[in-house]
PDB file of N, CA and C in Angstrom:
ATOM      1  N   MET A   1     -49.827   4.830 -33.157  1.00  0.00           N
ATOM      2  CA  MET A   1     -48.847   3.876 -32.649  1.00  0.00           C
ATOM      3  C   MET A   1     -48.124   4.496 -31.460  1.00  0.00           C
ATOM      4  N   PRO A   2     -47.659   3.659 -30.572  1.00  0.00           N
ATOM      5  CA  PRO A   2     -46.965   4.179 -29.399  1.00  0.00           C
ATOM      6  C   PRO A   2     -45.593   4.762 -29.748  1.00  0.00           C
ATOM      7  N   LEU A   3     -45.191   5.665 -28.914  1.00  0.00           N
ATOM      8  CA  LEU A   3     -43.883   6.308 -29.028  1.00  0.00           C
ATOM      9  C   LEU A   3     -42.912   5.578 -28.104  1.00  0.00           C
ATOM     10  N   HIS A   4     -41.725   5.243 -28.621  1.00  0.00           N
ATOM     11  CA  HIS A   4     -40.706   4.546 -27.841  1.00  0.00           C
ATOM     12  C   HIS A   4     -39.457   5.411 -27.743  1.00  0.00           C
ATOM     13  N   LEU A   5     -38.775   5.334 -26.624  1.00  0.00           N
ATOM     14  CA  LEU A   5     -37.549   6.102 -26.413  1.00  0.00           C
ATOM     15  C   LEU A   5     -36.376   5.139 -26.248  1.00  0.00           C
ATOM     16  N   LEU A   6     -35.307   5.416 -26.991  1.00  0.00           N
ATOM     17  CA  LEU A   6     -34.068   4.654 -26.891  1.00  0.00           C
ATOM     18  C   LEU A   6     -33.020   5.556 -26.274  1.00  0.00           C
ATOM     19  N   ALA A   7     -32.276   5.044 -25.306  1.00  0.00           N
ATOM     20  CA  ALA A   7     -31.264   5.845 -24.611  1.00  0.00           C
ATOM     21  C   ALA A   7     -29.925   5.121 -24.625  1.00  0.00           C
ATOM     22  N   ASP A   8     -28.879   5.862 -24.953  1.00  0.00           N
ATOM     23  CA  ASP A   8     -27.500   5.371 -24.907  1.00  0.00           C
ATOM     24  C   ASP A   8     -26.789   6.221 -23.865  1.00  0.00           C
ATOM     25  N   ILE A   9     -26.520   5.645 -22.720  1.00  0.00           N
ATOM     26  CA  ILE A   9     -25.994   6.395 -21.582  1.00  0.00           C
ATOM     27  C   ILE A   9     -24.543   5.996 -21.323  1.00  0.00           C
ATOM     28  N   GLY A  10     -23.666   6.950 -21.440  1.00  0.00           N
ATOM     29  CA  GLY A  10     -22.249   6.714 -21.180  1.00  0.00           C
ATOM     30  C   GLY A  10     -21.736   7.651 -20.104  1.00  0.00           C
ATOM     31  N   GLY A  11     -20.515   7.469 -19.726  1.00  0.00           N
ATOM     32  CA  GLY A  11     -19.909   8.305 -18.702  1.00  0.00           C
ATOM     33  C   GLY A  11     -19.660   9.734 -19.156  1.00  0.00           C
ATOM     34  N   THR A  12     -19.532   9.943 -20.460  1.00  0.00           N
ATOM     35  CA  THR A  12     -19.269  11.278 -20.997  1.00  0.00           C
ATOM     36  C   THR A  12     -20.502  11.916 -21.626  1.00  0.00           C
ATOM     37  N   HIS A  13     -21.240  11.143 -22.422  1.00  0.00           N
ATOM     38  CA  HIS A  13     -22.414  11.660 -23.127  1.00  0.00           C
ATOM     39  C   HIS A  13     -23.610  10.737 -22.941  1.00  0.00           C
ATOM     40  N   CYS A  14     -24.797  11.328 -23.070  1.00  0.00           N
ATOM     41  CA  CYS A  14     -26.015  10.524 -23.143  1.00  0.00           C
ATOM     42  C   CYS A  14     -26.781  10.962 -24.382  1.00  0.00           C
ATOM     43  N   ARG A  15     -27.374   9.989 -25.036  1.00  0.00           N
ATOM     44  CA  ARG A  15     -28.101  10.241 -26.283  1.00  0.00           C
ATOM     45  C   ARG A  15     -29.481   9.611 -26.177  1.00  0.00           C
ATOM     46  N   PHE A  16     -30.471  10.334 -26.638  1.00  0.00           N
ATOM     47  CA  PHE A  16     -31.847   9.853 -26.612  1.00  0.00           C
ATOM     48  C   PHE A  16     -32.438  10.015 -28.008  1.00  0.00           C
ATOM     49  N   THR A  17     -33.127   8.998 -28.478  1.00  0.00           N
ATOM     50  CA  THR A  17     -33.802   9.092 -29.766  1.00  0.00           C
ATOM     51  C   THR A  17     -35.168   8.422 -29.656  1.00  0.00           C
ATOM     52  N   TRP A  18     -36.126   8.969 -30.363  1.00  0.00           N
ATOM     53  CA  TRP A  18     -37.503   8.493 -30.340  1.00  0.00           C
ATOM     54  C   TRP A  18     -37.784   7.644 -31.566  1.00  0.00           C
ATOM     55  N   ARG A  19     -38.689   6.681 -31.439  1.00  0.00           N
ATOM     56  CA  ARG A  19     -39.145   5.863 -32.555  1.00  0.00           C
ATOM     57  C   ARG A  19     -40.663   5.746 -32.500  1.00  0.00           C
ATOM     58  N   CYS A  20     -41.277   5.947 -33.647  1.00  0.00           N
ATOM     59  CA  CYS A  20     -42.722   5.828 -33.776  1.00  0.00           C
ATOM     60  C   CYS A  20     -43.007   5.341 -35.193  1.00  0.00           C
ATOM     61  N   ASP A  21     -43.853   4.349 -35.339  1.00  0.00           N
ATOM     62  CA  ASP A  21     -44.097   3.755 -36.649  1.00  0.00           C
ATOM     63  C   ASP A  21     -44.954   4.609 -37.579  1.00  0.00           C
ATOM     64  N   ASP A  22     -45.858   5.394 -37.041  1.00  0.00           N
ATOM     65  CA  ASP A  22     -46.823   6.051 -37.921  1.00  0.00           C
ATOM     66  C   ASP A  22     -46.773   7.577 -37.944  1.00  0.00           C
ATOM     67  N   ALA A  23     -45.826   8.181 -37.278  1.00  0.00           N
ATOM     68  CA  ALA A  23     -45.759   9.650 -37.238  1.00  0.00           C
ATOM     69  C   ALA A  23     -44.316  10.084 -37.075  1.00  0.00           C
ATOM     70  N   ALA A  24     -44.088  11.341 -37.356  1.00  0.00           N
ATOM     71  CA  ALA A  24     -42.738  11.887 -37.158  1.00  0.00           C
ATOM     72  C   ALA A  24     -42.460  11.966 -35.661  1.00  0.00           C
ATOM     73  N   PRO A  25     -41.386  11.350 -35.193  1.00  0.00           N
ATOM     74  CA  PRO A  25     -41.077  11.391 -33.764  1.00  0.00           C
ATOM     75  C   PRO A  25     -40.477  12.743 -33.374  1.00  0.00           C
ATOM     76  N   PRO A  26     -40.472  13.052 -32.076  1.00  0.00           N
ATOM     77  CA  PRO A  26     -39.766  14.251 -31.620  1.00  0.00           C
ATOM     78  C   PRO A  26     -38.283  14.126 -31.987  1.00  0.00           C
ATOM     79  N   PRO A  27     -37.559  15.233 -32.022  1.00  0.00           N
ATOM     80  CA  PRO A  27     -36.138  15.158 -32.394  1.00  0.00           C
ATOM     81  C   PRO A  27     -35.286  14.415 -31.368  1.00  0.00           C
ATOM     82  N   SER A  28     -34.213  13.830 -31.866  1.00  0.00           N
ATOM     83  CA  SER A  28     -33.235  13.190 -30.983  1.00  0.00           C
ATOM     84  C   SER A  28     -32.534  14.266 -30.171  1.00  0.00           C
ATOM     85  N   TRP A  29     -31.924  13.858 -29.071  1.00  0.00           N
ATOM     86  CA  TRP A  29     -31.271  14.827 -28.196  1.00  0.00           C
ATOM     87  C   TRP A  29     -30.073  14.173 -27.535  1.00  0.00           C
ATOM     88  N   GLN A  30     -29.005  14.939 -27.353  1.00  0.00           N
ATOM     89  CA  GLN A  30     -27.844  14.451 -26.622  1.00  0.00           C
ATOM     90  C   GLN A  30     -27.290  15.556 -25.742  1.00  0.00           C
ATOM     91  N   CYS A  31     -26.568  15.145 -24.699  1.00  0.00           N
ATOM     92  CA  CYS A  31     -25.960  16.112 -23.795  1.00  0.00           C
ATOM     93  C   CYS A  31     -24.768  15.461 -23.111  1.00  0.00           C
ATOM     94  N   ALA A  32     -24.011  16.270 -22.423  1.00  0.00           N
ATOM     95  CA  ALA A  32     -22.941  15.748 -21.575  1.00  0.00           C
ATOM     96  C   ALA A  32     -23.599  15.128 -20.341  1.00  0.00           C
ATOM     97  N   THR A  33     -23.190  13.939 -19.973  1.00  0.00           N
ATOM     98  CA  THR A  33     -23.764  13.266 -18.812  1.00  0.00           C
ATOM     99  C   THR A  33     -23.623  14.133 -17.560  1.00  0.00           C
ATOM    100  N   GLY A  34     -22.505  14.801 -17.416  1.00  0.00           N
ATOM    101  CA  GLY A  34     -22.268  15.647 -16.250  1.00  0.00           C
ATOM    102  C   GLY A  34     -23.125  16.901 -16.194  1.00  0.00           C
ATOM    103  N   ALA A  35     -23.869  17.203 -17.256  1.00  0.00           N
ATOM    104  CA  ALA A  35     -24.730  18.384 -17.266  1.00  0.00           C
ATOM    105  C   ALA A  35     -25.974  18.200 -16.397  1.00  0.00           C
ATOM    106  N   TYR A  36     -26.258  16.968 -16.007  1.00  0.00           N
ATOM    107  CA  TYR A  36     -27.424  16.665 -15.180  1.00  0.00           C
ATOM    108  C   TYR A  36     -26.973  15.867 -13.959  1.00  0.00           C
ATOM    109  N   PRO A  37     -27.567  16.123 -12.806  1.00  0.00           N
ATOM    110  CA  PRO A  37     -27.132  15.425 -11.596  1.00  0.00           C
ATOM    111  C   PRO A  37     -27.517  13.943 -11.568  1.00  0.00           C
ATOM    112  N   SER A  38     -28.527  13.559 -12.379  1.00  0.00           N
ATOM    113  CA  SER A  38     -28.967  12.167 -12.366  1.00  0.00           C
ATOM    114  C   SER A  38     -29.601  11.796 -13.702  1.00  0.00           C
ATOM    115  N   PHE A  39     -29.724  10.497 -13.921  1.00  0.00           N
ATOM    116  CA  PHE A  39     -30.418   9.998 -15.105  1.00  0.00           C
ATOM    117  C   PHE A  39     -31.861  10.476 -15.113  1.00  0.00           C
ATOM    118  N   GLU A  40     -32.512  10.455 -13.969  1.00  0.00           N
ATOM    119  CA  GLU A  40     -33.911  10.882 -13.885  1.00  0.00           C
ATOM    120  C   GLU A  40     -34.074  12.340 -14.295  1.00  0.00           C
ATOM    121  N   ASN A  41     -33.118  13.204 -13.938  1.00  0.00           N
ATOM    122  CA  ASN A  41     -33.196  14.607 -14.340  1.00  0.00           C
ATOM    123  C   ASN A  41     -33.087  14.754 -15.859  1.00  0.00           C
ATOM    124  N   ALA A  42     -32.145  14.049 -16.462  1.00  0.00           N
ATOM    125  CA  ALA A  42     -31.984  14.097 -17.919  1.00  0.00           C
ATOM    126  C   ALA A  42     -33.217  13.530 -18.605  1.00  0.00           C
ATOM    127  N   LEU A  43     -33.730  12.431 -18.103  1.00  0.00           N
ATOM    128  CA  LEU A  43     -34.909  11.805 -18.687  1.00  0.00           C
ATOM    129  C   LEU A  43     -36.126  12.724 -18.590  1.00  0.00           C
ATOM    130  N   SER A  44     -36.288  13.379 -17.471  1.00  0.00           N
ATOM    131  CA  SER A  44     -37.381  14.338 -17.298  1.00  0.00           C
ATOM    132  C   SER A  44     -37.288  15.456 -18.334  1.00  0.00           C
ATOM    133  N   HIS A  45     -36.083  15.915 -18.604  1.00  0.00           N
ATOM    134  CA  HIS A  45     -35.878  16.955 -19.617  1.00  0.00           C
ATOM    135  C   HIS A  45     -36.312  16.453 -20.996  1.00  0.00           C
ATOM    136  N   VAL A  46     -35.962  15.234 -21.326  1.00  0.00           N
ATOM    137  CA  VAL A  46     -36.341  14.643 -22.618  1.00  0.00           C
ATOM    138  C   VAL A  46     -37.861  14.535 -22.721  1.00  0.00           C
ATOM    139  N   PHE A  47     -38.528  14.086 -21.661  1.00  0.00           N
ATOM    140  CA  PHE A  47     -39.987  13.983 -21.662  1.00  0.00           C
ATOM    141  C   PHE A  47     -40.624  15.356 -21.841  1.00  0.00           C
ATOM    142  N   THR A  48     -40.083  16.362 -21.169  1.00  0.00           N
ATOM    143  CA  THR A  48     -40.607  17.725 -21.282  1.00  0.00           C
ATOM    144  C   THR A  48     -40.468  18.245 -22.702  1.00  0.00           C
ATOM    145  N   MET A  49     -39.316  18.008 -23.326  1.00  0.00           N
ATOM    146  CA  MET A  49     -39.113  18.456 -24.712  1.00  0.00           C
ATOM    147  C   MET A  49     -40.093  17.780 -25.662  1.00  0.00           C
ATOM    148  N   ALA A  50     -40.402  16.513 -25.426  1.00  0.00           N
ATOM    149  CA  ALA A  50     -41.311  15.765 -26.305  1.00  0.00           C
ATOM    150  C   ALA A  50     -42.779  16.049 -25.986  1.00  0.00           C
ATOM    151  N   GLY A  51     -43.038  16.548 -24.798  1.00  0.00           N
ATOM    152  CA  GLY A  51     -44.411  16.824 -24.406  1.00  0.00           C
ATOM    153  C   GLY A  51     -45.157  15.614 -23.880  1.00  0.00           C
ATOM    154  N   ARG A  52     -44.463  14.502 -23.710  1.00  0.00           N
ATOM    155  CA  ARG A  52     -45.089  13.303 -23.153  1.00  0.00           C
ATOM    156  C   ARG A  52     -44.038  12.252 -22.831  1.00  0.00           C
ATOM    157  N   ALA A  53     -44.477  11.264 -22.085  1.00  0.00           N
ATOM    158  CA  ALA A  53     -43.604  10.140 -21.754  1.00  0.00           C
ATOM    159  C   ALA A  53     -43.796   9.039 -22.803  1.00  0.00           C
ATOM    160  N   PRO A  54     -42.808   8.184 -22.996  1.00  0.00           N
ATOM    161  CA  PRO A  54     -42.929   7.118 -23.981  1.00  0.00           C
ATOM    162  C   PRO A  54     -43.763   5.942 -23.465  1.00  0.00           C
ATOM    163  N   ALA A  55     -44.214   5.120 -24.390  1.00  0.00           N
ATOM    164  CA  ALA A  55     -44.894   3.885 -24.026  1.00  0.00           C
ATOM    165  C   ALA A  55     -43.889   2.858 -23.525  1.00  0.00           C
ATOM    166  N   ALA A  56     -42.644   2.954 -24.015  1.00  0.00           N
ATOM    167  CA  ALA A  56     -41.581   2.024 -23.611  1.00  0.00           C
ATOM    168  C   ALA A  56     -40.242   2.736 -23.694  1.00  0.00           C
ATOM    169  N   LEU A  57     -39.303   2.274 -22.900  1.00  0.00           N
ATOM    170  CA  LEU A  57     -37.964   2.848 -22.846  1.00  0.00           C
ATOM    171  C   LEU A  57     -36.946   1.719 -22.870  1.00  0.00           C
ATOM    172  N   ALA A  58     -35.969   1.809 -23.774  1.00  0.00           N
ATOM    173  CA  ALA A  58     -34.860   0.853 -23.824  1.00  0.00           C
ATOM    174  C   ALA A  58     -33.585   1.631 -23.532  1.00  0.00           C
ATOM    175  N   ILE A  59     -32.767   1.103 -22.609  1.00  0.00           N
ATOM    176  CA  ILE A  59     -31.567   1.807 -22.171  1.00  0.00           C
ATOM    177  C   ILE A  59     -30.342   0.925 -22.370  1.00  0.00           C
ATOM    178  N   ALA A  60     -29.317   1.495 -22.994  1.00  0.00           N
ATOM    179  CA  ALA A  60     -27.983   0.892 -23.019  1.00  0.00           C
ATOM    180  C   ALA A  60     -27.121   1.794 -22.149  1.00  0.00           C
ATOM    181  N   ALA A  61     -26.494   1.224 -21.126  1.00  0.00           N
ATOM    182  CA  ALA A  61     -25.728   2.035 -20.187  1.00  0.00           C
ATOM    183  C   ALA A  61     -24.335   1.440 -19.971  1.00  0.00           C
ATOM    184  N   ALA A  62     -23.367   2.333 -19.778  1.00  0.00           N
ATOM    185  CA  ALA A  62     -21.965   1.938 -19.611  1.00  0.00           C
ATOM    186  C   ALA A  62     -21.654   1.664 -18.145  1.00  0.00           C
ATOM    187  N   GLY A  63     -22.046   0.489 -17.699  1.00  0.00           N
ATOM    188  CA  GLY A  63     -21.755   0.108 -16.326  1.00  0.00           C
ATOM    189  C   GLY A  63     -22.374  -1.232 -15.997  1.00  0.00           C
ATOM    190  N   PRO A  64     -21.929  -1.834 -14.914  1.00  0.00           N
ATOM    191  CA  PRO A  64     -22.460  -3.136 -14.531  1.00  0.00           C
ATOM    192  C   PRO A  64     -23.885  -3.016 -13.979  1.00  0.00           C
ATOM    193  N   VAL A  65     -24.678  -4.052 -14.224  1.00  0.00           N
ATOM    194  CA  VAL A  65     -26.054  -4.107 -13.727  1.00  0.00           C
ATOM    195  C   VAL A  65     -26.146  -5.228 -12.698  1.00  0.00           C
ATOM    196  N   THR A  66     -26.649  -4.876 -11.520  1.00  0.00           N
ATOM    197  CA  THR A  66     -26.872  -5.847 -10.456  1.00  0.00           C
ATOM    198  C   THR A  66     -28.247  -5.575  -9.862  1.00  0.00           C
ATOM    199  N   ALA A  67     -29.089  -6.582  -9.846  1.00  0.00           N
ATOM    200  CA  ALA A  67     -30.435  -6.454  -9.265  1.00  0.00           C
ATOM    201  C   ALA A  67     -31.193  -5.274  -9.874  1.00  0.00           C
ATOM    202  N   ASP A  68     -31.163  -5.156 -11.185  1.00  0.00           N
ATOM    203  CA  ASP A  68     -31.873  -4.110 -11.935  1.00  0.00           C
ATOM    204  C   ASP A  68     -31.372  -2.689 -11.654  1.00  0.00           C
ATOM    205  N   ILE A  69     -30.171  -2.564 -11.141  1.00  0.00           N
ATOM    206  CA  ILE A  69     -29.568  -1.251 -10.892  1.00  0.00           C
ATOM    207  C   ILE A  69     -28.235  -1.192 -11.620  1.00  0.00           C
ATOM    208  N   CYS A  70     -28.046  -0.122 -12.390  1.00  0.00           N
ATOM    209  CA  CYS A  70     -26.792   0.095 -13.113  1.00  0.00           C
ATOM    210  C   CYS A  70     -26.072   1.291 -12.507  1.00  0.00           C
ATOM    211  N   HIS A  71     -24.827   1.091 -12.122  1.00  0.00           N
ATOM    212  CA  HIS A  71     -23.965   2.178 -11.654  1.00  0.00           C
ATOM    213  C   HIS A  71     -22.997   2.476 -12.794  1.00  0.00           C
ATOM    214  N   LEU A  72     -23.106   3.679 -13.375  1.00  0.00           N
ATOM    215  CA  LEU A  72     -22.213   4.011 -14.474  1.00  0.00           C
ATOM    216  C   LEU A  72     -20.767   3.940 -14.016  1.00  0.00           C
ATOM    217  N   THR A  73     -19.931   3.421 -14.874  1.00  0.00           N
ATOM    218  CA  THR A  73     -18.520   3.239 -14.541  1.00  0.00           C
ATOM    219  C   THR A  73     -17.777   4.560 -14.434  1.00  0.00           C
ATOM    220  N   ASN A  74     -18.057   5.499 -15.333  1.00  0.00           N
ATOM    221  CA  ASN A  74     -17.286   6.750 -15.373  1.00  0.00           C
ATOM    222  C   ASN A  74     -18.132   7.989 -15.107  1.00  0.00           C
ATOM    223  N   ALA A  75     -19.192   7.835 -14.347  1.00  0.00           N
ATOM    224  CA  ALA A  75     -20.038   8.974 -13.968  1.00  0.00           C
ATOM    225  C   ALA A  75     -20.770   8.613 -12.681  1.00  0.00           C
ATOM    226  N   SER A  76     -21.353   9.587 -12.034  1.00  0.00           N
ATOM    227  CA  SER A  76     -21.998   9.346 -10.745  1.00  0.00           C
ATOM    228  C   SER A  76     -23.446   8.885 -10.853  1.00  0.00           C
ATOM    229  N   TRP A  77     -23.962   8.723 -12.050  1.00  0.00           N
ATOM    230  CA  TRP A  77     -25.349   8.322 -12.222  1.00  0.00           C
ATOM    231  C   TRP A  77     -25.578   6.868 -11.830  1.00  0.00           C
ATOM    232  N   THR A  78     -26.760   6.621 -11.286  1.00  0.00           N
ATOM    233  CA  THR A  78     -27.262   5.277 -11.047  1.00  0.00           C
ATOM    234  C   THR A  78     -28.600   5.186 -11.756  1.00  0.00           C
ATOM    235  N   ILE A  79     -28.820   4.111 -12.490  1.00  0.00           N
ATOM    236  CA  ILE A  79     -30.083   3.904 -13.191  1.00  0.00           C
ATOM    237  C   ILE A  79     -30.759   2.706 -12.533  1.00  0.00           C
ATOM    238  N   ASN A  80     -31.931   2.954 -11.986  1.00  0.00           N
ATOM    239  CA  ASN A  80     -32.672   1.927 -11.266  1.00  0.00           C
ATOM    240  C   ASN A  80     -33.942   1.615 -12.042  1.00  0.00           C
ATOM    241  N   ARG A  81     -34.106   0.363 -12.426  1.00  0.00           N
ATOM    242  CA  ARG A  81     -35.287  -0.039 -13.200  1.00  0.00           C
ATOM    243  C   ARG A  81     -36.584   0.300 -12.477  1.00  0.00           C
ATOM    244  N   ALA A  82     -36.580   0.249 -11.170  1.00  0.00           N
ATOM    245  CA  ALA A  82     -37.789   0.500 -10.388  1.00  0.00           C
ATOM    246  C   ALA A  82     -38.254   1.955 -10.475  1.00  0.00           C
ATOM    247  N   ASN A  83     -37.341   2.857 -10.830  1.00  0.00           N
ATOM    248  CA  ASN A  83     -37.732   4.271 -10.902  1.00  0.00           C
ATOM    249  C   ASN A  83     -38.285   4.537 -12.267  1.00  0.00           C
TER     250      ASN A  83
END
């Protein structure tokens, strides 16, 4: 079964957890949002720890979304669906 990644991105902390129906998923991970210069850097770290990229990614982020781009309200990260 495919591996899915769920992300909860806030201005202070970001949390990532994996879901897979038929196997033990990689461990969940969290960090201070400010520990990484961008969402892509944090996401790359999560992929490296898991040894692969997910089949799907669902993101909850603390900020307004306009044209598939989210600018976090209390952090400098921008999350762009196209990336």
